[in-house]
């Protein structure tokens, strides 16, 4: 991918618009922009995935300590089912016990 220089309007090569013969200016520009977008989409996905894992771990830990405390299993199951139902209503299927 070609970098964008400070004087891009005067120098087409700095924005990837120079004609190489085999690719048109538009094809080169499109290729460069797609590469930028795909690179950022991948990083966004990875960051969001890491945050989701952390969030779910913290939710599970909090529920275990606050409700279950490894002692009240039957009450805990009912409380978690109710909590799941209410979270699904507010946040969609993210907190559904079945998946």
N, C-alpha and C. Protein backbone atom coordinates (compact mmCIF):
# COMPACT_ATOMS: atom_id res chain seq x y z
N UNK A 1 0.85 -1.18 0.00
CA UNK A 1 0.00 0.00 0.00
C UNK A 1 0.89 1.24 0.00
N UNK A 2 0.49 2.22 -0.72
CA UNK A 2 1.24 3.46 -0.81
C UNK A 2 0.77 4.43 0.27
N UNK A 3 1.69 5.21 0.81
CA UNK A 3 1.33 6.17 1.85
C UNK A 3 0.79 7.46 1.25
N UNK A 4 0.06 8.19 2.04
CA UNK A 4 -0.48 9.48 1.61
C UNK A 4 0.44 10.57 2.12
N UNK A 5 0.98 11.35 1.19
CA UNK A 5 1.91 12.41 1.56
C UNK A 5 1.19 13.71 1.85
N UNK A 6 1.92 14.69 2.34
CA UNK A 6 1.33 15.97 2.67
C UNK A 6 0.87 16.75 1.45
N UNK A 7 1.43 16.50 0.27
CA UNK A 7 1.08 17.24 -0.93
C UNK A 7 0.47 16.28 -1.95
N UNK A 8 -0.53 15.55 -1.55
CA UNK A 8 -1.11 14.47 -2.36
C UNK A 8 -1.73 14.97 -3.65
N UNK A 9 -2.27 16.15 -3.68
CA UNK A 9 -2.93 16.65 -4.89
C UNK A 9 -1.93 16.89 -6.01
N UNK A 10 -0.69 17.24 -5.68
CA UNK A 10 0.31 17.52 -6.70
C UNK A 10 1.04 16.27 -7.14
N UNK A 11 1.13 15.26 -6.27
CA UNK A 11 1.90 14.06 -6.58
C UNK A 11 0.99 12.84 -6.49
N UNK A 12 0.50 12.38 -7.63
CA UNK A 12 -0.45 11.26 -7.64
C UNK A 12 0.17 10.00 -7.07
N UNK A 13 1.46 9.81 -7.18
CA UNK A 13 2.10 8.60 -6.67
C UNK A 13 1.91 8.45 -5.17
N UNK A 14 1.85 9.56 -4.42
CA UNK A 14 1.73 9.46 -2.97
C UNK A 14 0.38 8.94 -2.52
N UNK A 15 -0.62 8.98 -3.37
CA UNK A 15 -1.93 8.43 -3.00
C UNK A 15 -2.25 7.20 -3.84
N UNK A 16 -1.28 6.67 -4.55
CA UNK A 16 -1.48 5.44 -5.30
C UNK A 16 -2.25 5.63 -6.59
N UNK A 17 -2.15 6.79 -7.24
CA UNK A 17 -2.90 7.04 -8.47
C UNK A 17 -2.04 6.98 -9.72
N UNK A 18 -0.77 6.71 -9.57
CA UNK A 18 0.08 6.64 -10.76
C UNK A 18 -0.32 5.42 -11.59
N UNK A 19 -0.37 5.58 -12.90
CA UNK A 19 -0.77 4.50 -13.79
C UNK A 19 0.42 3.57 -14.00
N UNK A 20 0.28 2.31 -13.60
CA UNK A 20 1.37 1.35 -13.74
C UNK A 20 1.26 0.59 -15.05
N UNK A 21 0.25 0.84 -15.85
CA UNK A 21 0.07 0.15 -17.11
C UNK A 21 -0.90 -1.00 -17.01
N UNK A 22 -0.78 -1.83 -15.98
CA UNK A 22 -1.65 -2.99 -15.86
C UNK A 22 -2.89 -2.71 -15.02
N UNK A 23 -2.83 -1.74 -14.17
CA UNK A 23 -3.98 -1.39 -13.33
C UNK A 23 -4.33 0.06 -13.55
N UNK A 24 -5.63 0.34 -13.55
CA UNK A 24 -6.05 1.73 -13.68
C UNK A 24 -5.88 2.45 -12.35
N UNK A 25 -5.89 3.79 -12.42
CA UNK A 25 -5.78 4.59 -11.20
C UNK A 25 -6.86 4.21 -10.20
N UNK A 26 -8.07 4.02 -10.69
CA UNK A 26 -9.19 3.68 -9.81
C UNK A 26 -9.01 2.33 -9.15
N UNK A 27 -8.45 1.35 -9.89
CA UNK A 27 -8.21 0.02 -9.32
C UNK A 27 -7.18 0.06 -8.21
N UNK A 28 -6.12 0.83 -8.42
CA UNK A 28 -5.07 0.95 -7.42
C UNK A 28 -5.61 1.64 -6.18
N UNK A 29 -6.34 2.72 -6.37
CA UNK A 29 -6.92 3.44 -5.23
C UNK A 29 -7.88 2.53 -4.47
N UNK A 30 -8.74 1.83 -5.20
CA UNK A 30 -9.68 0.92 -4.56
C UNK A 30 -8.95 -0.15 -3.76
N UNK A 31 -7.93 -0.72 -4.34
CA UNK A 31 -7.15 -1.75 -3.65
C UNK A 31 -6.54 -1.22 -2.36
N UNK A 32 -5.96 -0.02 -2.42
CA UNK A 32 -5.36 0.59 -1.23
C UNK A 32 -6.40 0.86 -0.15
N UNK A 33 -7.54 1.40 -0.53
CA UNK A 33 -8.59 1.73 0.44
C UNK A 33 -9.17 0.45 1.05
N UNK A 34 -9.38 -0.59 0.24
CA UNK A 34 -9.87 -1.86 0.75
C UNK A 34 -8.89 -2.44 1.77
N UNK A 35 -7.60 -2.35 1.48
CA UNK A 35 -6.58 -2.84 2.40
C UNK A 35 -6.64 -2.10 3.74
N UNK A 36 -6.80 -0.80 3.70
CA UNK A 36 -6.91 0.00 4.93
C UNK A 36 -8.14 -0.44 5.72
N UNK A 37 -9.27 -0.54 5.05
CA UNK A 37 -10.53 -0.91 5.72
C UNK A 37 -10.41 -2.30 6.34
N UNK A 38 -9.93 -3.27 5.57
CA UNK A 38 -9.82 -4.64 6.08
C UNK A 38 -8.88 -4.72 7.28
N UNK A 39 -7.79 -3.98 7.24
CA UNK A 39 -6.84 -3.97 8.35
C UNK A 39 -7.51 -3.44 9.62
N UNK A 40 -8.26 -2.38 9.51
CA UNK A 40 -8.92 -1.80 10.67
C UNK A 40 -10.08 -2.67 11.15
N UNK A 41 -10.82 -3.26 10.22
CA UNK A 41 -11.93 -4.13 10.61
C UNK A 41 -11.42 -5.30 11.44
N UNK A 42 -10.30 -5.86 11.06
CA UNK A 42 -9.72 -6.98 11.79
C UNK A 42 -9.33 -6.55 13.21
N UNK A 43 -8.70 -5.40 13.33
CA UNK A 43 -8.31 -4.91 14.67
C UNK A 43 -9.52 -4.57 15.52
N UNK A 44 -10.56 -4.00 14.90
CA UNK A 44 -11.79 -3.69 15.63
C UNK A 44 -12.43 -4.98 16.14
N UNK A 45 -12.51 -6.00 15.28
CA UNK A 45 -13.09 -7.27 15.68
C UNK A 45 -12.32 -7.87 16.85
N UNK A 46 -10.99 -7.88 16.77
CA UNK A 46 -10.18 -8.46 17.84
C UNK A 46 -10.36 -7.71 19.16
N UNK A 47 -10.40 -6.38 19.10
CA UNK A 47 -10.60 -5.59 20.32
C UNK A 47 -11.98 -5.84 20.91
N UNK A 48 -13.00 -5.86 20.06
CA UNK A 48 -14.36 -6.10 20.55
C UNK A 48 -14.49 -7.50 21.14
N UNK A 49 -13.86 -8.48 20.52
CA UNK A 49 -13.91 -9.85 21.02
C UNK A 49 -13.24 -9.93 22.40
N UNK A 50 -12.10 -9.30 22.56
CA UNK A 50 -11.40 -9.31 23.84
C UNK A 50 -12.25 -8.65 24.93
N UNK A 51 -12.89 -7.54 24.61
CA UNK A 51 -13.74 -6.85 25.58
C UNK A 51 -14.97 -7.70 25.94
N UNK A 52 -15.53 -8.40 24.95
CA UNK A 52 -16.69 -9.26 25.21
C UNK A 52 -16.32 -10.39 26.15
N UNK A 53 -15.19 -11.02 25.92
CA UNK A 53 -14.73 -12.11 26.79
C UNK A 53 -14.53 -11.58 28.21
N UNK A 54 -13.88 -10.43 28.35
CA UNK A 54 -13.65 -9.84 29.67
C UNK A 54 -14.97 -9.51 30.36
N UNK A 55 -15.92 -8.93 29.62
CA UNK A 55 -17.22 -8.58 30.19
C UNK A 55 -17.94 -9.83 30.70
N UNK A 56 -17.99 -10.87 29.88
CA UNK A 56 -18.70 -12.08 30.28
C UNK A 56 -18.03 -12.77 31.46
N UNK A 57 -16.70 -12.73 31.52
CA UNK A 57 -16.00 -13.30 32.66
C UNK A 57 -16.36 -12.54 33.94
N UNK A 58 -16.38 -11.19 33.86
CA UNK A 58 -16.73 -10.39 35.03
C UNK A 58 -18.17 -10.62 35.46
N UNK A 59 -19.09 -10.74 34.49
CA UNK A 59 -20.49 -11.02 34.82
C UNK A 59 -20.58 -12.37 35.53
N UNK A 60 -19.95 -13.38 34.98
CA UNK A 60 -19.98 -14.70 35.61
C UNK A 60 -19.41 -14.71 37.01
N UNK A 61 -18.29 -14.03 37.19
CA UNK A 61 -17.68 -13.94 38.52
C UNK A 61 -18.60 -13.24 39.50
N UNK A 62 -19.20 -12.14 39.07
CA UNK A 62 -20.09 -11.38 39.94
C UNK A 62 -21.32 -12.21 40.33
N UNK A 63 -21.90 -12.88 39.35
CA UNK A 63 -23.07 -13.72 39.64
C UNK A 63 -22.68 -14.83 40.61
N UNK A 64 -21.54 -15.45 40.39
CA UNK A 64 -21.10 -16.53 41.27
C UNK A 64 -20.91 -16.05 42.70
N UNK A 65 -20.30 -14.90 42.87
CA UNK A 65 -20.06 -14.38 44.21
C UNK A 65 -21.35 -13.84 44.84
N UNK A 66 -22.12 -13.07 44.09
CA UNK A 66 -23.30 -12.41 44.65
C UNK A 66 -24.47 -13.36 44.88
N UNK A 67 -24.71 -14.28 43.97
CA UNK A 67 -25.88 -15.13 44.07
C UNK A 67 -25.56 -16.56 44.49
N UNK A 68 -24.63 -17.15 43.85
CA UNK A 68 -24.40 -18.57 44.05
C UNK A 68 -23.51 -18.86 45.25
N UNK A 69 -22.40 -18.17 45.33
CA UNK A 69 -21.44 -18.35 46.40
C UNK A 69 -21.18 -19.83 46.66
N UNK A 70 -21.39 -20.64 45.63
CA UNK A 70 -21.18 -22.09 45.69
C UNK A 70 -21.94 -22.75 46.83
N UNK A 71 -23.01 -22.12 47.32
CA UNK A 71 -23.76 -22.68 48.45
C UNK A 71 -25.22 -22.91 48.11
N UNK A 72 -25.86 -21.92 47.49
CA UNK A 72 -27.31 -21.98 47.28
C UNK A 72 -27.60 -22.37 45.84
N UNK A 73 -27.30 -23.58 45.46
CA UNK A 73 -27.37 -24.00 44.06
C UNK A 73 -28.77 -23.88 43.48
N UNK A 74 -29.79 -24.36 44.19
CA UNK A 74 -31.15 -24.33 43.63
C UNK A 74 -31.65 -22.89 43.50
N UNK A 75 -31.48 -22.07 44.51
CA UNK A 75 -31.86 -20.67 44.43
C UNK A 75 -31.05 -19.98 43.33
N UNK A 76 -29.78 -20.31 43.26
CA UNK A 76 -28.91 -19.70 42.26
C UNK A 76 -29.36 -20.00 40.84
N UNK A 77 -29.80 -21.24 40.58
CA UNK A 77 -30.29 -21.60 39.25
C UNK A 77 -31.51 -20.76 38.88
N UNK A 78 -32.42 -20.59 39.82
CA UNK A 78 -33.62 -19.79 39.56
C UNK A 78 -33.26 -18.33 39.35
N UNK A 79 -32.35 -17.82 40.17
CA UNK A 79 -31.95 -16.42 40.07
C UNK A 79 -31.23 -16.16 38.76
N UNK A 80 -30.37 -17.07 38.34
CA UNK A 80 -29.64 -16.91 37.09
C UNK A 80 -30.59 -16.98 35.91
N UNK A 81 -31.59 -17.87 35.96
CA UNK A 81 -32.58 -17.97 34.88
C UNK A 81 -33.36 -16.66 34.76
N UNK A 82 -33.78 -16.10 35.90
CA UNK A 82 -34.50 -14.82 35.88
C UNK A 82 -33.59 -13.70 35.38
N UNK A 83 -32.37 -13.67 35.88
CA UNK A 83 -31.41 -12.65 35.43
C UNK A 83 -31.18 -12.75 33.93
N UNK A 84 -31.02 -13.97 33.42
CA UNK A 84 -30.82 -14.19 31.99
C UNK A 84 -32.01 -13.66 31.20
N UNK A 85 -33.22 -13.99 31.65
CA UNK A 85 -34.43 -13.54 30.95
C UNK A 85 -34.49 -12.01 30.88
N UNK A 86 -34.20 -11.36 31.98
CA UNK A 86 -34.25 -9.89 32.01
C UNK A 86 -33.13 -9.27 31.18
N UNK A 87 -31.96 -9.88 31.18
CA UNK A 87 -30.86 -9.35 30.37
C UNK A 87 -31.15 -9.54 28.88
N UNK A 88 -31.78 -10.65 28.50
CA UNK A 88 -32.15 -10.87 27.10
C UNK A 88 -33.13 -9.80 26.66
N UNK A 89 -34.08 -9.44 27.53
CA UNK A 89 -35.04 -8.38 27.20
C UNK A 89 -34.33 -7.06 26.95
N UNK A 90 -33.29 -6.79 27.71
CA UNK A 90 -32.59 -5.51 27.60
C UNK A 90 -31.48 -5.52 26.55
N UNK A 91 -30.77 -6.65 26.40
CA UNK A 91 -29.59 -6.67 25.53
C UNK A 91 -29.67 -7.68 24.39
N UNK A 92 -30.81 -8.25 24.13
CA UNK A 92 -30.97 -9.25 23.07
C UNK A 92 -30.42 -10.59 23.53
N UNK A 93 -30.02 -11.43 22.63
CA UNK A 93 -29.67 -12.82 22.95
C UNK A 93 -28.28 -13.00 23.55
N UNK A 94 -27.53 -11.97 23.78
CA UNK A 94 -26.17 -12.10 24.31
C UNK A 94 -26.14 -12.87 25.61
N UNK A 95 -27.15 -12.69 26.45
CA UNK A 95 -27.15 -13.30 27.78
C UNK A 95 -28.13 -14.44 27.91
N UNK A 96 -28.52 -15.04 26.79
CA UNK A 96 -29.44 -16.17 26.81
C UNK A 96 -28.72 -17.39 27.36
N UNK A 97 -29.34 -18.06 28.34
CA UNK A 97 -28.72 -19.24 28.94
C UNK A 97 -28.50 -20.37 27.95
N UNK A 98 -29.33 -20.43 26.91
CA UNK A 98 -29.22 -21.53 25.95
C UNK A 98 -28.16 -21.27 24.90
N UNK A 99 -27.56 -20.15 24.87
CA UNK A 99 -26.54 -19.94 23.84
C UNK A 99 -25.96 -18.63 23.95
